[in-house]
Protein backbone atom coordinates (compact mmCIF):
# COMPACT_ATOMS: atom_id res chain seq x y z
CA UNK A 1 -20.93 -22.61 9.51
CA UNK A 2 -19.88 -23.19 5.79
CA UNK A 3 -16.61 -21.35 6.08
CA UNK A 4 -18.01 -18.19 7.44
CA UNK A 5 -15.62 -15.97 9.65
CA UNK A 6 -16.80 -15.02 13.24
CA UNK A 7 -15.07 -12.11 14.62
CA UNK A 8 -13.68 -12.77 18.21
CA UNK A 9 -16.11 -11.12 20.92
CA UNK A 10 -13.62 -10.25 23.65
CA UNK A 11 -10.55 -8.30 22.24
CA UNK A 12 -9.09 -4.85 23.34
CA UNK A 13 -7.82 -2.88 20.69
CA UNK A 14 -5.96 0.13 22.45
CA UNK A 15 -4.64 3.07 20.13
CA UNK A 16 -4.07 2.07 16.27
CA UNK A 17 -2.23 -0.96 16.87
CA UNK A 18 -1.98 -2.46 20.34
CA UNK A 19 -3.67 -5.92 21.38
CA UNK A 20 -4.11 -6.51 24.84
CA UNK A 21 -4.39 -7.27 27.93
CA UNK A 22 -4.51 -11.19 26.78
CA UNK A 23 -4.69 -13.72 29.51
CA UNK A 24 -5.92 -11.44 32.30
CA UNK A 25 -8.99 -13.26 33.20
CA UNK A 26 -10.23 -16.88 33.10
CA UNK A 27 -12.10 -18.35 30.10
CA UNK A 28 -11.02 -15.59 27.40
CA UNK A 29 -11.93 -16.75 24.03
CA UNK A 30 -9.18 -17.03 21.33
CA UNK A 31 -8.32 -14.01 19.50
CA UNK A 32 -8.11 -14.71 15.50
CA UNK A 33 -7.86 -13.15 12.28
CA UNK A 34 -6.97 -9.62 13.32
CA UNK A 35 -5.54 -7.04 10.80
CA UNK A 36 -4.51 -3.88 11.72
CA UNK A 37 -3.79 -1.75 8.46
CA UNK A 38 -3.20 1.74 7.07
CA UNK A 39 -2.25 3.51 10.14
CA UNK A 40 0.25 6.31 11.19
CA UNK A 41 1.68 6.19 14.60
CA UNK A 42 3.12 9.67 15.61
CA UNK A 43 5.18 10.27 18.95
CA UNK A 44 3.55 7.25 20.85
CA UNK A 45 5.34 5.17 23.17
CA UNK A 46 4.09 2.01 21.50
CA UNK A 47 3.43 1.32 17.82
CA UNK A 48 2.26 -2.25 17.16
CA UNK A 49 2.01 -4.22 20.09
CA UNK A 50 0.54 -7.59 21.25
CA UNK A 51 0.57 -7.98 25.10
CA UNK A 52 -0.12 -10.84 27.59
CA UNK A 53 -0.17 -11.00 31.56
CA UNK A 54 2.41 -13.54 33.47
CA UNK A 55 0.53 -16.09 35.29
CA UNK A 56 -2.24 -16.02 32.61
CA UNK A 57 -4.38 -19.06 32.02
CA UNK A 58 -4.18 -20.85 28.86
CA UNK A 59 -5.35 -19.33 25.79
CA UNK A 60 -4.51 -18.51 21.95
CA UNK A 61 -4.19 -15.70 19.75
CA UNK A 62 -2.95 -15.98 16.26
CA UNK A 63 -3.45 -15.12 12.51
CA UNK A 64 -2.65 -11.47 13.32
CA UNK A 65 -1.50 -9.02 10.75
CA UNK A 66 0.06 -5.53 11.26
CA UNK A 67 0.32 -4.12 7.76
CA UNK A 68 1.12 -0.78 5.97
CA UNK A 69 1.94 1.34 9.15
CA UNK A 70 4.05 4.27 9.31
CA UNK A 71 5.95 5.08 12.64
CA UNK A 72 7.05 8.74 13.29
CA UNK A 73 9.45 8.86 16.51
CA UNK A 74 7.74 6.08 18.26
CA UNK A 75 9.54 4.55 21.43
CA UNK A 76 8.69 0.88 20.75
CA UNK A 77 7.60 0.44 17.19
CA UNK A 78 7.08 -3.36 17.12
CA UNK A 79 6.62 -5.29 20.57
CA UNK A 80 5.36 -8.74 21.53
CA UNK A 81 5.34 -8.55 25.40
CA UNK A 82 4.39 -11.82 27.16
CA UNK A 83 5.57 -10.32 30.50
CA UNK A 84 3.10 -7.38 30.65
CA UNK A 85 2.75 -6.19 34.07
CA UNK A 86 2.01 -2.07 34.03
CA UNK A 87 1.72 -1.79 37.95
CA UNK A 88 4.83 -4.04 38.68
CA UNK A 89 2.82 -6.22 41.23
CA UNK A 90 2.69 -9.24 38.93
CA UNK A 91 4.13 -12.53 39.66
CA UNK A 92 6.61 -12.56 36.89
CA UNK A 93 7.98 -15.78 37.85
CA UNK A 94 5.21 -17.57 36.12
CA UNK A 95 5.35 -17.39 32.62
CA UNK A 96 2.25 -16.41 30.26
CA UNK A 97 0.43 -19.18 28.77
CA UNK A 98 -1.11 -17.43 25.97
CA UNK A 99 0.03 -19.22 22.83
CA UNK A 100 0.86 -16.59 20.12
CA UNK A 101 1.14 -18.02 16.53
CA UNK A 102 1.10 -16.65 12.91
CA UNK A 103 1.82 -13.10 13.70
CA UNK A 104 2.97 -10.89 10.49
CA UNK A 105 4.44 -7.50 10.57
CA UNK A 106 4.35 -6.32 7.01
CA UNK A 107 5.66 -2.90 5.28
CA UNK A 108 6.16 -1.10 8.56
CA UNK A 109 8.16 1.84 8.33
CA UNK A 110 9.58 5.02 10.00
CA UNK A 111 11.64 6.18 12.91
CA UNK A 112 12.04 5.16 16.49
CA UNK A 113 13.63 6.86 19.48
CA UNK A 114 14.31 4.13 21.81
CA UNK A 115 17.09 1.43 22.01
CA UNK A 116 14.97 -1.35 20.35
CA UNK A 117 13.09 -1.12 17.02
CA UNK A 118 11.84 -4.61 17.26
CA UNK A 119 11.42 -6.37 20.66
CA UNK A 120 9.79 -9.87 20.93
CA UNK A 121 9.61 -10.85 24.31
CA UNK A 122 7.91 -14.40 24.23
CA UNK A 123 6.84 -16.68 27.01
CA UNK A 124 9.27 -18.97 28.14
CA UNK A 125 6.61 -21.68 28.83
CA UNK A 126 4.66 -21.52 25.55
CA UNK A 127 6.66 -20.41 22.46
CA UNK A 128 5.60 -17.95 20.10
CA UNK A 129 5.24 -19.40 16.65
CA UNK A 130 5.72 -18.39 13.12
CA UNK A 131 6.46 -14.71 13.70
CA UNK A 132 7.36 -13.03 10.21
CA UNK A 133 8.63 -9.52 9.35
CA UNK A 134 8.26 -8.75 5.84
CA UNK A 135 9.48 -5.21 4.52
CA UNK A 136 10.02 -3.80 7.93
CA UNK A 137 12.17 -0.81 7.48
CA UNK A 138 12.94 1.18 10.88
CA UNK A 139 15.64 3.76 11.39
CA UNK A 140 16.75 4.95 14.84
CA UNK A 141 16.84 8.61 15.61
CA UNK A 142 19.75 8.62 17.91
CA UNK A 143 23.10 10.41 17.41
CA UNK A 144 26.04 8.52 15.67
CA UNK A 145 27.60 8.08 19.13
CA UNK A 146 24.23 7.03 20.89
CA UNK A 147 23.68 4.47 17.77
CA UNK A 148 26.76 2.54 18.76
CA UNK A 149 24.76 1.74 22.06
CA UNK A 150 21.47 1.37 20.26
CA UNK A 151 20.14 -2.10 19.72
CA UNK A 152 17.94 -2.75 16.71
CA UNK A 153 16.27 -6.12 17.42
CA UNK A 154 15.71 -7.91 20.69
CA UNK A 155 14.37 -11.41 21.52
CA UNK A 156 13.59 -13.15 24.84
CA UNK A 157 11.99 -16.24 25.60
CA UNK A 158 11.02 -19.09 23.38
CA UNK A 159 10.42 -18.49 19.91
CA UNK A 160 9.69 -21.27 17.21
CA UNK A 161 9.97 -19.98 13.30
CA UNK A 162 11.10 -16.58 13.10
CA UNK A 163 11.52 -15.22 9.46
CA UNK A 164 12.74 -11.78 8.41
CA UNK A 165 12.37 -10.73 4.54
CA UNK A 166 13.62 -7.58 2.83
CA UNK A 167 13.91 -5.65 6.29
CA UNK A 168 16.24 -2.95 7.49
CA UNK A 169 16.87 -1.96 11.02
CA UNK A 170 19.28 1.21 11.19
């Protein structure tokens, strides 16, 4: 191949920055070298998100960058959800087997209206690896009293290699 990059053939990019539903079907190809850049997400439920299904067959997704994204009153600005189950009828007792690695969130700024600015829900079976947040500046819009109960950052599951640089979560 001589160093040429072949884009993945099976990927769903939903809205400006949602990558999913990884691991829903057998024999999915790897998802690699994805860059979502220069977006504004205004009033949406989700900002930038990677979602995988529980009980998924083994697969991989990596080298994914979300960069230069403005959030305006978004409920969930930054999400990794490896327990994605929209109908509530999934077997969540089995963890996702989609390996997520080398995911970068860079220069993401703006406001959010939910309890979490960043929610990293990784698989308990296959750890997320090398998740990096660089210059992420998110501000919750709740009142001062509500902000006392507002979380800013949430993690769950197995996570190897989390780095946060020059970021602020208010």
